[in-house]
Amino acid sequence: SPAASLTPMKNLSTLNPENVSDEELKTYPIREAARAVVSDGEGNVALLHVANKNYYKIPGGGIDEGEDHMTALKRECGEEIGCDIEVTGEIGVITEWRRFETLKQISYCYTARVKGDKCEPDFTEEELTDGFEVVWLSYEKALETLRNSQTQTNELEGRDYIVPRDTTFLSLAR
């Protein structure tokens, strides 16, 4: 199983649109996150529409202290898309050097499929404020939607970090 893998995940890229220096980066705290391209039994994948910021993203989020990647990923997918998941593979790692947050974020991405029924997500107050909603789209439509959201968002985090990161993950999920 992917969880038992002893080989490190493949490093896909580093996003550094704000030109953070190596010296600066040494002072940044590290946030690790687990994300997944989740498919259902009907050939669709889950995207989260962040309606009030005008972009899309794949499900996932921060790994809490004491949590392993799989536990975090299953918790995040339960919260964000209302689904229990089964991890089916590894996609890779993308690191973001975020000056605007003084943060080094490392995202580990997996492929997964829905186990059981789709239920209602359990969004946080912040996610509700941002207008989060789950959409299930064919793989091709999801990739097109994600790519197009990059040109539509004026939001730094979405435009320069989340959308490029998740477009890479989704394009490699096939």
Protein backbone atom coordinates (compact mmCIF):
# COMPACT_ATOMS: atom_id res chain seq x y z
CA SER A 1 0.00 0.00 0.00
CA PRO A 2 1.18 3.58 -0.60
CA ALA A 3 1.09 4.28 3.14
CA ALA A 4 3.67 1.57 3.73
CA SER A 5 6.00 2.95 1.05
CA LEU A 6 9.53 3.50 2.30
CA THR A 7 10.75 5.36 -0.76
CA PRO A 8 10.34 9.14 -0.56
CA MET A 9 7.70 10.68 -2.78
CA LYS A 10 8.89 12.23 -6.03
CA ASN A 11 9.65 15.97 -5.83
CA LEU A 12 7.68 17.58 -8.65
CA SER A 13 8.46 21.29 -8.27
CA THR A 14 9.04 24.29 -6.04
CA LEU A 15 6.75 27.30 -6.42
CA ASN A 16 8.53 30.56 -5.60
CA PRO A 17 6.71 33.34 -7.50
CA GLU A 18 7.62 35.90 -4.80
CA ASN A 19 11.36 35.18 -5.22
CA VAL A 20 12.03 34.15 -1.62
CA SER A 21 15.77 33.81 -1.00
CA ASP A 22 17.39 30.72 0.56
CA GLU A 23 18.38 32.92 3.52
CA GLU A 24 14.79 34.08 4.07
CA LEU A 25 13.47 30.54 3.71
CA LYS A 26 15.64 29.38 6.63
CA THR A 27 13.51 31.52 8.97
CA TYR A 28 10.14 30.22 7.68
CA PRO A 29 8.17 27.63 9.62
CA ILE A 30 7.21 24.50 7.67
CA ARG A 31 3.60 23.43 7.14
CA GLU A 32 2.99 19.98 5.71
CA ALA A 33 -0.23 19.14 3.91
CA ALA A 34 -1.85 16.04 2.41
CA ARG A 35 -3.95 16.36 -0.74
CA ALA A 36 -5.69 13.98 -3.12
CA VAL A 37 -7.18 13.69 -6.54
CA VAL A 38 -10.33 11.82 -5.49
CA SER A 39 -12.42 9.94 -8.04
CA ASP A 40 -15.88 8.47 -7.64
CA GLY A 41 -17.35 5.39 -9.31
CA GLU A 42 -18.78 7.45 -12.19
CA GLY A 43 -15.52 8.74 -13.68
CA ASN A 44 -15.61 12.10 -11.91
CA VAL A 45 -13.07 13.83 -9.66
CA ALA A 46 -13.73 16.19 -6.76
CA LEU A 47 -12.82 19.86 -6.91
CA LEU A 48 -13.54 22.52 -4.34
CA HIS A 49 -14.85 25.76 -5.78
CA VAL A 50 -13.68 28.68 -3.65
CA ALA A 51 -16.50 30.83 -5.01
CA ASN A 52 -15.71 34.12 -3.24
CA LYS A 53 -12.09 34.02 -4.41
CA ASN A 54 -12.92 32.68 -7.87
CA TYR A 55 -10.71 29.60 -8.09
CA TYR A 56 -10.82 25.81 -7.75
CA LYS A 57 -8.61 23.42 -5.78
CA ILE A 58 -8.30 19.72 -5.00
CA PRO A 59 -9.27 18.47 -1.52
CA GLY A 60 -6.71 18.36 1.26
CA GLY A 61 -5.09 20.44 3.94
CA GLY A 62 -2.69 20.69 6.82
CA ILE A 63 -1.32 17.69 8.67
CA ASP A 64 -1.92 18.21 12.39
CA GLU A 65 0.76 17.51 14.96
CA GLY A 66 0.92 13.77 15.67
CA GLU A 67 -1.01 12.89 12.52
CA ASP A 68 0.40 10.75 9.71
CA HIS A 69 -0.29 11.59 6.06
CA MET A 70 -3.08 9.03 5.62
CA THR A 71 -4.95 10.07 8.78
CA ALA A 72 -4.73 13.74 7.76
CA LEU A 73 -5.80 13.01 4.20
CA LYS A 74 -8.83 10.96 5.26
CA ARG A 75 -9.85 13.62 7.81
CA GLU A 76 -9.50 16.45 5.27
CA CYS A 77 -11.48 14.58 2.58
CA GLY A 78 -14.21 13.82 5.11
CA GLU A 79 -14.40 17.49 6.07
CA GLU A 80 -14.05 19.03 2.62
CA ILE A 81 -15.88 16.65 0.26
CA GLY A 82 -17.93 14.56 2.71
CA CYS A 83 -16.36 11.27 1.64
CA ASP A 84 -14.47 8.39 3.14
CA ILE A 85 -11.60 7.57 0.78
CA GLU A 86 -9.25 4.78 -0.11
CA VAL A 87 -5.77 5.88 -1.23
CA THR A 88 -4.79 4.22 -4.51
CA GLY A 89 -1.40 5.78 -5.29
CA GLU A 90 1.12 8.58 -4.92
CA ILE A 91 1.48 11.57 -7.26
CA GLY A 92 4.33 13.52 -5.65
CA VAL A 93 5.42 16.54 -3.64
CA ILE A 94 5.25 20.26 -4.43
CA THR A 95 6.91 22.80 -2.13
CA GLU A 96 5.72 26.41 -1.93
CA TRP A 97 7.88 29.27 -0.63
CA ARG A 98 5.20 31.73 0.45
CA ARG A 99 6.58 35.17 1.38
CA PHE A 100 3.10 36.63 1.94
CA GLU A 101 2.62 34.11 4.78
CA THR A 102 6.31 33.67 5.69
CA LEU A 103 5.73 29.95 5.27
CA LYS A 104 7.31 26.95 3.56
CA GLN A 105 4.46 24.61 2.63
CA ILE A 106 5.09 21.04 1.53
CA SER A 107 2.14 19.29 -0.13
CA TYR A 108 2.10 15.50 -0.50
CA CYS A 109 -0.44 14.42 -3.11
CA TYR A 110 -2.10 11.06 -3.63
CA THR A 111 -4.74 9.49 -5.82
CA ALA A 112 -7.79 8.13 -4.02
CA ARG A 113 -11.27 6.84 -4.64
CA VAL A 114 -14.52 7.29 -2.75
CA LYS A 115 -15.44 4.49 -0.34
CA GLY A 116 -19.14 4.20 0.37
CA ASP A 117 -21.59 7.07 -0.06
CA LYS A 118 -20.90 10.73 -0.67
CA CYS A 119 -22.12 12.80 2.26
CA GLU A 120 -22.23 16.49 3.10
CA PRO A 121 -18.92 18.28 3.72
CA ASP A 122 -18.19 19.81 7.13
CA PHE A 123 -16.63 23.15 6.18
CA THR A 124 -14.90 25.43 8.67
CA GLU A 125 -16.21 28.97 9.24
CA GLU A 126 -13.37 30.31 7.06
CA GLU A 127 -14.21 27.87 4.25
CA LEU A 128 -17.90 28.85 4.46
CA THR A 129 -16.92 32.55 4.32
CA ASP A 130 -14.77 31.82 1.24
CA GLY A 131 -17.78 30.16 -0.42
CA PHE A 132 -16.45 26.60 -0.58
CA GLU A 133 -18.57 24.13 -2.54
CA VAL A 134 -17.83 20.64 -3.84
CA VAL A 135 -18.15 19.92 -7.55
CA TRP A 136 -17.70 16.53 -9.22
CA LEU A 137 -16.50 16.79 -12.81
CA SER A 138 -15.12 14.47 -15.46
CA TYR A 139 -11.32 14.35 -15.38
CA GLU A 140 -11.03 16.45 -18.57
CA LYS A 141 -13.58 19.02 -17.38
CA ALA A 142 -11.93 19.22 -13.95
CA LEU A 143 -8.51 19.89 -15.51
CA GLU A 144 -9.97 22.51 -17.86
CA THR A 145 -11.87 24.18 -14.97
CA LEU A 146 -8.78 24.27 -12.77
CA ARG A 147 -6.59 25.68 -15.56
CA ASN A 148 -9.18 28.34 -16.41
CA SER A 149 -9.55 29.44 -12.79
CA GLN A 150 -5.92 30.60 -12.86
CA THR A 151 -6.71 33.37 -15.34
CA GLN A 152 -9.82 34.42 -13.42
CA THR A 153 -8.50 34.85 -9.88
CA ASN A 154 -6.84 38.04 -8.67
CA GLU A 155 -6.14 36.39 -5.34
CA LEU A 156 -2.37 35.87 -4.85
CA GLU A 157 -2.66 32.58 -2.95
CA GLY A 158 -5.06 31.08 -5.49
CA ARG A 159 -3.40 32.43 -8.63
CA ASP A 160 0.28 31.91 -7.80
CA TYR A 161 0.23 28.91 -5.49
CA ILE A 162 -2.93 26.81 -5.18
CA VAL A 163 -4.05 26.69 -8.83
CA PRO A 164 -0.60 25.97 -10.34
CA ARG A 165 0.10 23.37 -7.64
CA ASP A 166 -3.21 21.57 -8.01
CA THR A 167 -3.14 21.77 -11.83
CA THR A 168 0.18 19.93 -11.72
CA PHE A 169 -1.20 17.31 -9.32
CA LEU A 170 -4.37 16.78 -11.35
CA SER A 171 -2.54 16.60 -14.69
CA LEU A 172 -0.29 13.86 -13.28
CA ALA A 173 -3.15 11.90 -11.67
CA ARG A 174 -3.98 10.14 -14.92
